[in-house]
Amino acid sequence: VLTYHILPGTLCSAGVSKGPIKTVEGQTVQLSVSEAGVKVNNARVVYADGSITNGVVHVIDTVLLPPSLDLE
């Protein structure tokens, strides 16, 4: 689940465009951009462009679950 939240490289909010993007886990997430903000799948980005030592962190309002994850 953790690697489904990580994208390769550094992606700042100014460089975000809509469409699918592959995660480190190997599956894709869908990015959408509107006047209301940025979404990753159905999660809303609530804080963007936090600078960290090895990249950029964006905070979302829910946990992303890979489609292949079986919780049963």
C-alpha atoms as a PDB file:
ATOM      1  CA  VAL A   1       0.000   0.000   0.000  1.00  0.00           C
ATOM      2  CA  LEU A   2       2.812   2.426   0.842  1.00  0.00           C
ATOM      3  CA  THR A   3       4.544   2.174  -2.541  1.00  0.00           C
ATOM      4  CA  TYR A   4       1.177   2.801  -4.264  1.00  0.00           C
ATOM      5  CA  HIS A   5       1.433   6.319  -2.751  1.00  0.00           C
ATOM      6  CA  ILE A   6       4.893   7.037  -4.212  1.00  0.00           C
ATOM      7  CA  LEU A   7       5.635   8.342  -7.699  1.00  0.00           C
ATOM      8  CA  PRO A   8       9.090   8.038  -9.259  1.00  0.00           C
ATOM      9  CA  GLY A   9      11.029  11.275  -9.594  1.00  0.00           C
ATOM     10  CA  THR A  10      10.001  14.682  -8.309  1.00  0.00           C
ATOM     11  CA  LEU A  11       6.595  16.067  -9.271  1.00  0.00           C
ATOM     12  CA  CYS A  12       5.746  19.564  -8.035  1.00  0.00           C
ATOM     13  CA  SER A  13       2.171  20.829  -8.219  1.00  0.00           C
ATOM     14  CA  ALA A  14       3.026  23.240 -11.043  1.00  0.00           C
ATOM     15  CA  GLY A  15       3.972  20.244 -13.201  1.00  0.00           C
ATOM     16  CA  VAL A  16       0.827  18.193 -12.577  1.00  0.00           C
ATOM     17  CA  SER A  17      -1.401  17.405 -15.528  1.00  0.00           C
ATOM     18  CA  LYS A  18      -4.430  15.153 -15.731  1.00  0.00           C
ATOM     19  CA  GLY A  19      -4.118  11.540 -16.695  1.00  0.00           C
ATOM     20  CA  PRO A  20      -2.680   8.273 -15.461  1.00  0.00           C
ATOM     21  CA  ILE A  21       0.747   8.046 -13.853  1.00  0.00           C
ATOM     22  CA  LYS A  22       2.602   4.920 -12.765  1.00  0.00           C
ATOM     23  CA  THR A  23       3.446   4.492  -9.080  1.00  0.00           C
ATOM     24  CA  VAL A  24       6.566   2.878  -7.632  1.00  0.00           C
ATOM     25  CA  GLU A  25       4.322  -0.107  -6.790  1.00  0.00           C
ATOM     26  CA  GLY A  26       3.760  -0.615 -10.531  1.00  0.00           C
ATOM     27  CA  GLN A  27       0.080   0.233 -10.915  1.00  0.00           C
ATOM     28  CA  THR A  28      -1.265   3.584 -12.067  1.00  0.00           C
ATOM     29  CA  VAL A  29      -3.184   6.328 -10.300  1.00  0.00           C
ATOM     30  CA  GLN A  30      -5.384   8.845 -12.087  1.00  0.00           C
ATOM     31  CA  LEU A  31      -4.536  12.532 -11.640  1.00  0.00           C
ATOM     32  CA  SER A  32      -7.219  15.148 -12.189  1.00  0.00           C
ATOM     33  CA  VAL A  33      -6.793  18.908 -12.096  1.00  0.00           C
ATOM     34  CA  SER A  34      -9.586  21.471 -11.788  1.00  0.00           C
ATOM     35  CA  GLU A  35     -10.258  24.878 -10.269  1.00  0.00           C
ATOM     36  CA  ALA A  36     -11.125  23.008  -7.060  1.00  0.00           C
ATOM     37  CA  GLY A  37      -7.623  21.532  -6.916  1.00  0.00           C
ATOM     38  CA  VAL A  38      -5.796  18.303  -7.639  1.00  0.00           C
ATOM     39  CA  LYS A  39      -7.090  14.792  -7.027  1.00  0.00           C
ATOM     40  CA  VAL A  40      -5.291  11.453  -7.064  1.00  0.00           C
ATOM     41  CA  ASN A  41      -7.952   8.858  -7.852  1.00  0.00           C
ATOM     42  CA  ASN A  42     -10.660  10.046  -5.406  1.00  0.00           C
ATOM     43  CA  ALA A  43      -8.271  11.593  -2.866  1.00  0.00           C
ATOM     44  CA  ARG A  44      -8.014  15.372  -2.700  1.00  0.00           C
ATOM     45  CA  VAL A  45      -4.570  16.965  -2.320  1.00  0.00           C
ATOM     46  CA  VAL A  46      -4.865  19.091   0.840  1.00  0.00           C
ATOM     47  CA  TYR A  47      -1.222  20.239   1.043  1.00  0.00           C
ATOM     48  CA  ALA A  48       1.190  20.415  -1.885  1.00  0.00           C
ATOM     49  CA  ASP A  49       4.904  20.860  -2.470  1.00  0.00           C
ATOM     50  CA  GLY A  50       6.286  20.031   0.957  1.00  0.00           C
ATOM     51  CA  SER A  51      10.051  20.024   0.571  1.00  0.00           C
ATOM     52  CA  ILE A  52      11.885  16.979   1.942  1.00  0.00           C
ATOM     53  CA  THR A  53      15.457  15.742   1.576  1.00  0.00           C
ATOM     54  CA  ASN A  54      14.830  13.302  -1.269  1.00  0.00           C
ATOM     55  CA  GLY A  55      11.848  14.809  -3.089  1.00  0.00           C
ATOM     56  CA  VAL A  56       8.501  16.512  -2.610  1.00  0.00           C
ATOM     57  CA  VAL A  57       5.568  15.425  -0.463  1.00  0.00           C
ATOM     58  CA  HIS A  58       1.888  16.091  -1.137  1.00  0.00           C
ATOM     59  CA  VAL A  59      -0.711  15.309   1.541  1.00  0.00           C
ATOM     60  CA  ILE A  60      -4.004  13.693   0.500  1.00  0.00           C
ATOM     61  CA  ASP A  61      -7.217  13.316   2.486  1.00  0.00           C
ATOM     62  CA  THR A  62      -7.600   9.531   2.264  1.00  0.00           C
ATOM     63  CA  VAL A  63      -5.583   6.337   1.881  1.00  0.00           C
ATOM     64  CA  LEU A  64      -5.156   5.037  -1.661  1.00  0.00           C
ATOM     65  CA  LEU A  65      -5.732   1.307  -2.031  1.00  0.00           C
ATOM     66  CA  PRO A  66      -4.294  -0.481  -5.065  1.00  0.00           C
ATOM     67  CA  PRO A  67      -6.992  -2.107  -7.225  1.00  0.00           C
ATOM     68  CA  SER A  68      -5.202  -5.449  -6.862  1.00  0.00           C
ATOM     69  CA  LEU A  69      -5.442  -5.403  -3.039  1.00  0.00           C
ATOM     70  CA  ASP A  70      -7.891  -7.969  -1.693  1.00  0.00           C
ATOM     71  CA  LEU A  71      -9.065  -6.985   1.798  1.00  0.00           C
ATOM     72  CA  GLU A  72     -11.176 -10.088   2.324  1.00  0.00           C
END
